[in-house]
Amino acid sequence: MDEGFLHNCLFFTANRLSRTITKMAEEEFASTGLTPMYGYLIRLVNGIPGISQKELSEKLYITPSTLTRFIDKLEGKHLVERKVSGKTVLVYPTEKGKELEDTIRQASKNLSLRYESILGIEAARQLSLEIELSSEQLEK
């Protein structure tokens, strides 16, 4: 059977890339005790204290229900806290969450350095840009 169709299929190749980069990210973020997504969520909350859950779900491209589960978990670890303001739920970092900032930033930097050392800095940036632009077009 000819398997060439797999190598020309955006679905297949995007999933392959996703699995590979996720594995690398999980290895680099292991030092934080968090998954990469939790790490990036904390970075956003630390950078924008009082960010709404709605805005967080939009910035992370995840559904509100998924974000709620993530925040439940981070709240359980005392890394973020929620405060209700009218109908809006705002998310704030805790001191413990703020203390993780440098470790999370280092894990993120290590991840970038790792894939840039394999792909090359310019190729990695170009790939990220092309994926971002393609995602925006496909989401229309």
Protein backbone atom coordinates (compact mmCIF):
# COMPACT_ATOMS: atom_id res chain seq x y z
CA MET A 1 0.00 0.00 0.00
CA ASP A 2 1.25 3.48 -0.85
CA GLU A 3 1.62 5.52 2.34
CA GLY A 4 2.66 8.70 0.56
CA PHE A 5 -0.74 10.26 1.22
CA LEU A 6 0.19 10.53 4.92
CA HIS A 7 3.16 12.77 4.19
CA ASN A 8 1.04 15.16 2.12
CA CYS A 9 -1.81 15.32 4.63
CA LEU A 10 -1.90 18.41 6.86
CA PHE A 11 -3.97 16.52 9.45
CA PHE A 12 -1.39 13.76 9.77
CA THR A 13 1.71 15.97 9.67
CA ALA A 14 0.25 18.54 12.11
CA ASN A 15 -0.60 15.78 14.57
CA ARG A 16 2.87 14.31 14.24
CA LEU A 17 4.42 17.72 14.93
CA SER A 18 2.05 18.24 17.86
CA ARG A 19 3.04 14.93 19.48
CA THR A 20 6.74 15.67 19.01
CA ILE A 21 6.68 19.23 20.36
CA THR A 22 4.37 18.22 23.23
CA LYS A 23 6.83 15.52 24.31
CA MET A 24 9.70 18.02 24.22
CA ALA A 25 7.67 20.62 26.13
CA GLU A 26 6.64 18.11 28.80
CA GLU A 27 10.29 17.15 29.29
CA GLU A 28 11.37 20.79 29.62
CA PHE A 29 8.48 21.70 31.95
CA ALA A 30 9.02 18.67 34.22
CA SER A 31 11.18 20.88 36.49
CA THR A 32 8.14 23.11 37.16
CA GLY A 33 5.91 20.27 38.34
CA LEU A 34 3.37 21.45 35.77
CA THR A 35 2.34 20.57 32.24
CA PRO A 36 3.32 23.16 29.63
CA MET A 37 -0.28 24.39 29.30
CA TYR A 38 -0.52 25.00 33.05
CA GLY A 39 2.82 26.79 32.90
CA TYR A 40 1.70 29.12 30.13
CA LEU A 41 -1.61 29.73 31.92
CA ILE A 42 0.27 30.80 35.07
CA ARG A 43 2.54 33.07 33.01
CA LEU A 44 -0.54 34.82 31.61
CA VAL A 45 -2.13 35.18 35.05
CA ASN A 46 1.13 36.45 36.56
CA GLY A 47 1.50 38.93 33.69
CA ILE A 48 -2.13 40.12 33.79
CA PRO A 49 -3.39 39.75 37.39
CA GLY A 50 -7.19 39.85 37.40
CA ILE A 51 -7.50 38.53 33.84
CA SER A 52 -10.97 37.18 33.13
CA GLN A 53 -11.52 33.48 32.52
CA LYS A 54 -13.10 34.41 29.18
CA GLU A 55 -9.95 36.27 28.09
CA LEU A 56 -7.72 33.42 29.28
CA SER A 57 -9.66 30.84 27.27
CA GLU A 58 -9.40 33.07 24.19
CA LYS A 59 -5.65 33.66 24.58
CA LEU A 60 -4.96 29.95 25.14
CA TYR A 61 -7.37 28.79 22.39
CA ILE A 62 -9.18 26.41 24.73
CA THR A 63 -12.86 26.06 25.59
CA PRO A 64 -14.19 27.78 28.72
CA SER A 65 -15.03 24.37 30.26
CA THR A 66 -11.45 23.13 29.73
CA LEU A 67 -10.10 26.34 31.23
CA THR A 68 -12.37 25.94 34.26
CA ARG A 69 -10.90 22.47 34.87
CA PHE A 70 -7.37 23.85 34.53
CA ILE A 71 -8.07 26.67 36.98
CA ASP A 72 -9.73 24.25 39.41
CA LYS A 73 -6.51 22.24 39.42
CA LEU A 74 -4.24 25.27 39.79
CA GLU A 75 -6.45 26.66 42.54
CA GLY A 76 -6.17 23.30 44.31
CA LYS A 77 -2.37 23.67 44.15
CA HIS A 78 -2.71 27.24 45.52
CA LEU A 79 -1.09 28.75 42.41
CA VAL A 80 -4.03 30.96 41.33
CA GLU A 81 -7.24 32.21 42.89
CA ARG A 82 -10.57 33.28 41.45
CA LYS A 83 -12.56 36.33 42.44
CA VAL A 84 -16.04 37.07 41.15
CA SER A 85 -16.79 40.59 39.96
CA GLY A 86 -20.44 40.77 38.95
CA LYS A 87 -20.87 38.09 36.30
CA THR A 88 -17.17 37.96 35.49
CA VAL A 89 -14.69 35.55 37.05
CA LEU A 90 -11.24 37.05 37.43
CA VAL A 91 -8.08 35.03 38.00
CA TYR A 92 -5.20 36.24 40.15
CA PRO A 93 -1.82 34.70 40.94
CA THR A 94 -1.02 33.65 44.48
CA GLU A 95 2.38 34.23 46.04
CA LYS A 96 3.16 30.56 45.34
CA GLY A 97 2.17 31.08 41.68
CA LYS A 98 4.35 34.19 41.41
CA GLU A 99 7.30 32.28 42.88
CA LEU A 100 7.11 29.80 39.96
CA GLU A 101 7.48 32.53 37.33
CA ASP A 102 11.26 32.25 36.90
CA THR A 103 11.16 28.44 36.76
CA ILE A 104 8.36 28.53 34.17
CA ARG A 105 10.17 31.16 32.09
CA GLN A 106 13.35 29.06 32.17
CA ALA A 107 11.45 25.93 31.07
CA SER A 108 9.90 27.90 28.21
CA LYS A 109 13.31 29.30 27.23
CA ASN A 110 14.86 25.81 27.38
CA LEU A 111 12.12 24.50 25.10
CA SER A 112 12.75 27.27 22.57
CA LEU A 113 16.51 26.71 22.68
CA ARG A 114 15.98 22.99 22.21
CA TYR A 115 13.84 23.17 19.09
CA GLU A 116 15.82 26.12 17.71
CA SER A 117 19.02 24.09 18.02
CA ILE A 118 17.41 21.37 15.89
CA LEU A 119 15.51 23.49 13.35
CA GLY A 120 17.59 26.67 13.39
CA ILE A 121 16.37 29.92 14.92
CA GLU A 122 15.00 31.44 11.72
CA ALA A 123 13.33 28.21 10.56
CA ALA A 124 11.70 27.78 14.00
CA ARG A 125 10.36 31.35 13.96
CA GLN A 126 9.15 30.99 10.38
CA LEU A 127 7.41 27.70 11.17
CA SER A 128 5.66 29.26 14.19
CA LEU A 129 4.54 32.20 12.07
CA GLU A 130 3.26 29.98 9.26
CA ILE A 131 1.36 27.76 11.72
CA GLU A 132 -0.17 30.85 13.38
CA LEU A 133 -1.26 32.35 10.04
CA SER A 134 -2.58 29.02 8.77
CA SER A 135 -4.54 28.47 11.99
CA GLU A 136 -6.13 31.89 11.67
CA GLN A 137 -7.16 31.18 8.06
CA LEU A 138 -8.55 27.73 8.87
CA GLU A 139 -10.54 29.07 11.85
CA LYS A 140 -12.49 31.52 9.65
